[in-house]
Protein backbone atom coordinates (compact mmCIF):
# COMPACT_ATOMS: atom_id res chain seq x y z
CA UNK A 1 19.09 25.47 -21.46
CA UNK A 2 16.02 23.55 -21.93
CA UNK A 3 17.66 21.04 -24.44
CA UNK A 4 20.23 20.54 -21.75
CA UNK A 5 17.67 19.84 -19.06
CA UNK A 6 15.79 17.37 -21.41
CA UNK A 7 19.09 15.81 -22.26
CA UNK A 8 19.92 15.28 -18.47
CA UNK A 9 16.32 13.95 -17.72
CA UNK A 10 16.65 11.38 -20.48
CA UNK A 11 20.00 10.36 -19.19
CA UNK A 12 18.67 10.24 -15.61
CA UNK A 13 15.92 7.89 -16.79
CA UNK A 14 18.07 5.63 -18.60
CA UNK A 15 20.56 5.26 -15.85
CA UNK A 16 17.90 4.67 -13.24
CA UNK A 17 16.42 1.90 -15.59
CA UNK A 18 20.02 0.36 -16.06
CA UNK A 19 20.69 0.35 -12.28
CA UNK A 20 17.04 -1.26 -11.65
CA UNK A 21 17.87 -4.09 -14.07
CA UNK A 22 21.02 -4.82 -12.49
CA UNK A 23 19.55 -5.40 -9.18
CA UNK A 24 16.58 -7.34 -10.74
CA UNK A 25 19.20 -9.62 -12.56
CA UNK A 26 20.33 -11.86 -10.03
CA UNK A 27 16.55 -12.49 -8.92
CA UNK A 28 15.64 -13.29 -12.53
CA UNK A 29 18.72 -15.92 -12.86
CA UNK A 30 17.44 -17.48 -9.53
CA UNK A 31 14.00 -17.80 -11.23
CA UNK A 32 15.49 -19.01 -14.56
CA UNK A 33 17.35 -21.82 -12.53
CA UNK A 34 14.46 -22.85 -10.36
CA UNK A 35 12.23 -23.38 -13.59
CA UNK A 36 14.86 -24.63 -15.88
CA UNK A 37 15.28 -28.34 -17.18
CA UNK A 38 18.15 -30.17 -15.57
CA UNK A 39 20.12 -29.98 -18.85
CA UNK A 40 20.01 -26.27 -18.75
CA UNK A 41 21.18 -25.49 -15.11
CA UNK A 42 24.92 -25.83 -15.57
CA UNK A 43 25.08 -24.27 -19.06
CA UNK A 44 27.35 -21.39 -20.20
CA UNK A 45 26.47 -18.79 -21.17
CA UNK A 46 23.41 -19.05 -18.66
CA UNK A 47 20.01 -20.06 -19.95
CA UNK A 48 18.24 -16.84 -19.62
CA UNK A 49 14.75 -18.14 -20.77
CA UNK A 50 12.04 -19.52 -18.53
CA UNK A 51 11.31 -23.44 -19.38
CA UNK A 52 8.49 -23.29 -16.62
CA UNK A 53 9.56 -26.64 -15.23
CA UNK A 54 7.25 -26.56 -12.05
CA UNK A 55 8.33 -29.93 -10.80
CA UNK A 56 11.28 -28.47 -8.76
CA UNK A 57 8.94 -26.13 -7.02
CA UNK A 58 6.59 -28.69 -6.23
CA UNK A 59 9.61 -31.03 -4.93
CA UNK A 60 10.71 -28.15 -2.68
CA UNK A 61 7.43 -27.07 -1.41
CA UNK A 62 6.83 -30.51 0.14
CA UNK A 63 10.37 -30.92 1.58
CA UNK A 64 9.10 -28.27 4.36
CA UNK A 65 6.03 -26.87 5.94
CA UNK A 66 6.32 -23.61 4.22
CA UNK A 67 2.70 -22.49 5.19
CA UNK A 68 3.90 -22.75 8.78
CA UNK A 69 7.00 -20.68 8.45
CA UNK A 70 5.05 -18.20 6.30
CA UNK A 71 2.40 -17.95 9.11
CA UNK A 72 5.05 -17.58 11.92
CA UNK A 73 6.70 -14.62 9.74
CA UNK A 74 3.56 -12.88 9.09
CA UNK A 75 2.62 -13.09 12.81
CA UNK A 76 5.88 -11.92 14.12
CA UNK A 77 5.94 -9.01 11.30
CA UNK A 78 2.18 -7.90 12.13
CA UNK A 79 2.47 -8.06 16.07
CA UNK A 80 5.89 -6.20 15.71
CA UNK A 81 4.27 -3.48 13.48
CA UNK A 82 1.59 -2.91 16.00
CA UNK A 83 3.78 -2.73 18.87
CA UNK A 84 6.62 -0.50 17.11
CA UNK A 85 4.06 1.91 15.58
CA UNK A 86 2.30 2.50 19.07
CA UNK A 87 5.49 3.20 20.96
CA UNK A 88 6.80 5.35 18.00
CA UNK A 89 3.94 7.46 17.86
CA UNK A 90 3.65 8.27 21.35
CA UNK A 91 7.55 8.92 21.82
CA UNK A 92 7.55 11.03 18.88
CA UNK A 93 4.37 12.99 19.81
CA UNK A 94 5.99 13.64 23.24
CA UNK A 95 9.28 14.78 21.98
CA UNK A 96 7.47 17.12 19.26
CA UNK A 97 4.58 18.52 21.41
CA UNK A 98 5.21 18.19 25.17
CA UNK A 99 8.12 20.19 26.71
CA UNK A 100 9.90 18.53 29.41
CA UNK A 101 13.22 18.85 31.07
CA UNK A 102 16.06 16.69 29.45
CA UNK A 103 13.91 16.67 26.09
CA UNK A 104 16.90 17.54 23.84
CA UNK A 105 19.06 14.45 25.89
CA UNK A 106 16.38 12.08 25.01
CA UNK A 107 16.23 12.75 21.48
CA UNK A 108 20.20 12.84 21.02
CA UNK A 109 20.05 9.59 22.87
CA UNK A 110 17.56 7.97 20.35
CA UNK A 111 20.10 9.33 17.49
CA UNK A 112 22.93 7.60 19.08
CA UNK A 113 21.11 4.46 19.45
CA UNK A 114 19.89 4.56 15.63
CA UNK A 115 23.76 4.86 14.73
CA UNK A 116 24.76 1.72 16.87
CA UNK A 117 24.85 -1.28 14.80
CA UNK A 118 21.87 -3.69 15.34
CA UNK A 119 24.40 -6.60 16.00
CA UNK A 120 25.70 -4.83 19.19
CA UNK A 121 22.30 -5.92 21.05
CA UNK A 122 22.01 -9.36 20.20
CA UNK A 123 23.92 -10.54 23.11
CA UNK A 124 22.22 -8.45 25.60
CA UNK A 125 18.84 -9.23 24.10
CA UNK A 126 19.51 -12.85 24.13
CA UNK A 127 20.45 -12.86 27.89
CA UNK A 128 17.21 -10.88 28.64
CA UNK A 129 15.15 -13.41 26.66
CA UNK A 130 16.74 -16.30 28.09
CA UNK A 131 16.45 -14.91 31.89
CA UNK A 132 12.53 -14.34 31.05
CA UNK A 133 12.25 -18.06 29.66
CA UNK A 134 11.18 -16.81 26.15
CA UNK A 135 13.72 -18.72 23.82
CA UNK A 136 12.06 -20.61 21.29
CA UNK A 137 8.96 -18.45 21.18
CA UNK A 138 7.32 -16.13 18.74
CA UNK A 139 7.52 -13.46 21.64
CA UNK A 140 11.25 -13.51 21.61
CA UNK A 141 11.14 -12.58 18.10
CA UNK A 142 8.92 -9.74 18.62
CA UNK A 143 9.86 -7.85 21.91
CA UNK A 144 13.47 -6.49 20.83
CA UNK A 145 11.88 -4.90 17.93
CA UNK A 146 8.82 -3.37 19.57
CA UNK A 147 10.54 0.18 19.76
CA UNK A 148 12.11 1.43 16.75
CA UNK A 149 14.71 4.40 16.84
CA UNK A 150 14.04 5.08 13.46
CA UNK A 151 10.32 5.05 13.72
CA UNK A 152 10.54 7.55 16.58
CA UNK A 153 12.91 9.94 14.39
CA UNK A 154 10.75 9.79 11.35
CA UNK A 155 7.61 10.58 13.12
CA UNK A 156 9.25 13.42 15.14
CA UNK A 157 10.40 14.89 12.02
CA UNK A 158 6.99 14.87 10.66
CA UNK A 159 5.12 16.19 13.68
CA UNK A 160 7.72 19.18 14.01
CA UNK A 161 6.59 19.87 10.47
CA UNK A 162 2.84 20.35 11.37
CA UNK A 163 1.76 23.91 11.82
CA UNK A 164 1.48 24.84 15.46
CA UNK A 165 -1.81 26.45 14.69
CA UNK A 166 -3.35 23.08 14.43
CA UNK A 167 -2.46 22.48 18.15
CA UNK A 168 -3.72 25.89 18.97
CA UNK A 169 -6.94 25.28 17.33
CA UNK A 170 -7.22 22.00 19.09
CA UNK A 171 -6.96 23.40 22.43
CA UNK A 172 -9.49 26.08 21.79
CA UNK A 173 -11.90 23.39 20.91
CA UNK A 174 -11.11 21.46 24.13
CA UNK A 175 -8.87 18.79 22.73
CA UNK A 176 -6.34 17.34 25.02
CA UNK A 177 -3.03 15.70 23.70
CA UNK A 178 -4.72 12.28 23.12
CA UNK A 179 -7.58 13.65 21.27
CA UNK A 180 -5.44 15.69 19.07
CA UNK A 181 -3.18 12.96 18.35
CA UNK A 182 -5.79 10.38 17.43
CA UNK A 183 -8.05 12.81 15.59
CA UNK A 184 -5.71 15.16 13.83
CA UNK A 185 -1.93 14.09 13.98
CA UNK A 186 -2.33 10.27 13.41
CA UNK A 187 -4.52 11.04 10.17
CA UNK A 188 -2.02 13.52 8.66
CA UNK A 189 0.66 11.23 8.82
CA UNK A 190 -0.50 8.13 7.50
CA UNK A 191 1.71 8.13 4.62
CA UNK A 192 4.71 8.04 7.19
CA UNK A 193 3.15 5.16 9.22
CA UNK A 194 2.62 3.23 6.16
CA UNK A 195 6.31 3.67 5.36
CA UNK A 196 7.40 2.77 8.76
CA UNK A 197 5.21 -0.21 8.75
CA UNK A 198 6.83 -1.30 5.48
CA UNK A 199 10.24 -0.91 6.60
CA UNK A 200 9.53 -3.10 9.69
CA UNK A 201 7.77 -5.70 7.54
CA UNK A 202 10.60 -5.90 5.29
CA UNK A 203 13.04 -6.04 8.04
CA UNK A 204 11.43 -8.73 9.99
CA UNK A 205 10.94 -10.72 6.95
CA UNK A 206 14.59 -10.63 6.15
CA UNK A 207 15.64 -11.25 9.68
CA UNK A 208 18.08 -14.27 9.93
CA UNK A 209 20.63 -13.65 13.00
CA UNK A 210 18.32 -13.08 15.67
CA UNK A 211 15.90 -16.07 14.95
CA UNK A 212 18.87 -18.25 14.38
CA UNK A 213 19.89 -17.34 18.20
CA UNK A 214 16.37 -17.70 19.76
CA UNK A 215 14.29 -19.91 17.46
CA UNK A 216 15.69 -23.54 17.36
CA UNK A 217 12.22 -25.08 17.13
CA UNK A 218 10.75 -25.34 13.77
CA UNK A 219 7.24 -24.61 15.04
CA UNK A 220 8.45 -20.93 15.67
CA UNK A 221 10.91 -20.47 12.91
CA UNK A 222 10.45 -17.60 10.34
CA UNK A 223 10.81 -17.98 6.71
CA UNK A 224 14.47 -16.95 6.45
CA UNK A 225 15.65 -19.30 9.01
CA UNK A 226 13.77 -22.23 7.18
CA UNK A 227 15.49 -21.11 3.99
CA UNK A 228 18.89 -21.23 5.88
CA UNK A 229 18.10 -24.61 7.03
CA UNK A 230 17.23 -25.65 3.44
CA UNK A 231 20.46 -24.40 2.22
CA UNK A 232 22.25 -26.56 4.87
CA UNK A 233 20.44 -29.74 4.12
CA UNK A 234 20.12 -29.41 0.22
CA UNK A 235 23.27 -27.48 -0.37
CA UNK A 236 23.73 -29.58 -3.66
CA UNK A 237 20.58 -29.24 -4.96
CA UNK A 238 20.87 -25.87 -7.03
CA UNK A 239 17.26 -26.03 -8.57
CA UNK A 240 15.62 -26.85 -5.33
CA UNK A 241 17.71 -23.83 -3.52
CA UNK A 242 16.67 -21.34 -6.33
CA UNK A 243 12.90 -22.54 -5.78
CA UNK A 244 13.12 -22.14 -2.17
CA UNK A 245 14.77 -18.54 -2.49
CA UNK A 246 11.77 -17.70 -4.55
CA UNK A 247 9.39 -18.74 -1.98
CA UNK A 248 11.01 -16.52 0.48
CA UNK A 249 11.43 -13.47 -2.11
CA UNK A 250 8.55 -13.34 -4.21
CA UNK A 251 5.90 -12.05 -1.39
CA UNK A 252 8.18 -9.24 -0.22
CA UNK A 253 8.69 -8.20 -4.03
CA UNK A 254 4.88 -8.20 -4.61
CA UNK A 255 4.19 -6.14 -1.34
CA UNK A 256 6.84 -3.80 -2.37
CA UNK A 257 5.58 -3.18 -5.86
CA UNK A 258 2.09 -2.32 -4.72
CA UNK A 259 3.18 -0.06 -1.80
CA UNK A 260 6.18 1.38 -3.06
CA UNK A 261 4.83 4.97 -3.52
CA UNK A 262 4.09 5.25 0.30
CA UNK A 263 7.74 4.51 1.12
CA UNK A 264 8.51 7.77 -1.29
CA UNK A 265 5.73 9.92 0.25
CA UNK A 266 6.66 8.93 3.76
CA UNK A 267 10.46 9.57 3.39
CA UNK A 268 10.23 12.75 1.54
CA UNK A 269 7.94 14.37 4.40
CA UNK A 270 9.48 16.64 6.77
CA UNK A 271 12.30 19.11 6.33
CA UNK A 272 15.54 18.07 7.80
CA UNK A 273 16.54 17.29 11.39
CA UNK A 274 15.25 19.80 14.08
CA UNK A 275 16.42 19.72 17.71
């Protein structure tokens, strides 16, 4: 039995490595294409070693104001994270520790919203932003994502896993809801908050459809929209496109590599859906 479990563990490890390499292979091909010499770009089989031809990166970098696009994206992501975490924490706490009429209905509604495709909300959100005269602003790219149904669900599941003795002890010491939330609940759910912040950051960084609708001015466009514009205007420059793709991809890969353990810790918290 021990031998079978050991072999299964080896098989699982090998399978995980192979699947990981399959996901990384397109990124590696893009990197190779961006750093290849022109003679190697269209060769078959593909050239899989790096030539370190940085001239393509330099040329692609100077075609657009990438620093402005990075600044816009980071600003949108950080402000969205701050607002979404605040609303998610407050809503999840209320659904976990405060009893009120219709509590189950509210949580069920949040689950329904979580299951609806995000594209469904694009037109209503655009109409609202247009009526508020917020089109072509950073605000229009932040407000629709200031509340996260997934964040409320994730934090609620964690809060429900906390022993009720914590709340009782806090009440005996004279703590109200806000004091308990700030001093006890939030420090305990730090891995979950980091996980949620990473999900929001990655989602904001990769967002394309919504910025395409509300951000026509280059001064407020995020990195993905800049990459789409580069694709439209330089569709025949495969090396330039590969370099621009790496500009948009490498930062998020680096962030994920450093913080991936928090995602695992956060998602693994809790013990199933509770009503």
